[in-house]
C-alpha cells in the first residue's frame, strides 16, 4: 500500500499542519522542560486534578515560569483544564511512561538537535557538518569510541539498542556468518551475505574477512 499517492488534508487542515511545522522546535523544547521539571509527572499523579498554585508549590519553580509552561502544555495537548484543575492527557502518559517515546526524545535532543542547525551545509557538502558541535570527527562512529560527551553517547546507545535489540531475535535465525566474508569455499560468488545459507560442506566462518 502506498501512503503517499494522494493528498489527504483539506486546505484548512494543511494550514494547521504548516503551523505545527513552524512551531515544532518550541513544542519539542517546551515538552522536554515539562517532562524534566516534574510538571507533567506531578499533574499525572493528581488524577482528580491539581491547581496552578499547588502545582507551583510542588515543583518549586517560579510561578510565572510554571504558568507559561502549563499554558504551552494546554496548547500542545498535554494537559486539560476544568474548573481550575489541570489534568494529564493520554499523550502525557506516553511521554512519561513509554520507552519508545523517551528514547526518541533523548536521542533527538542530546544527539541531533544542535547538529540539525547544519543540515543545509551537510546536504551541500555531503558530510556530517553538525557533528562539529561535539568535536572534529569524520563520522559519529569515531566519536562514540573516543571523546563524545557522555550524555549524547548514552542517548545514542539507548536509541540504537532499543531498535536493534528487538530485531535480533528475528534476524539471528537467518544469519549464518559475519558481515564481510569473502572467498568462501564452494560459494558461487566472491562474497556471501549474512542471510545466505552455507554451501554444502562449509562450516560457518570458513571465509576470509
Foldseek 3Di string as FASTA:
>chain_A
DDPPPDDDDDPVVVVVVVVCVVCVVVLLVLVVCCQVLCLLVVQAVVQVFDALVVSCVVSVDDSVVSVVSVVSCVVSVQWDADPRGIHGDVVSVCCRPPLVNVLVSLLCPVPNPQQVVCVVVCVVVVFSPSVPVQHDDRDCVVCLPPPRDPSNNVSVVSNVCVVVVVCCVVCVVQFQEDQFFAPFPPDPDGTDGRRDDHDPPGHYPRGDD
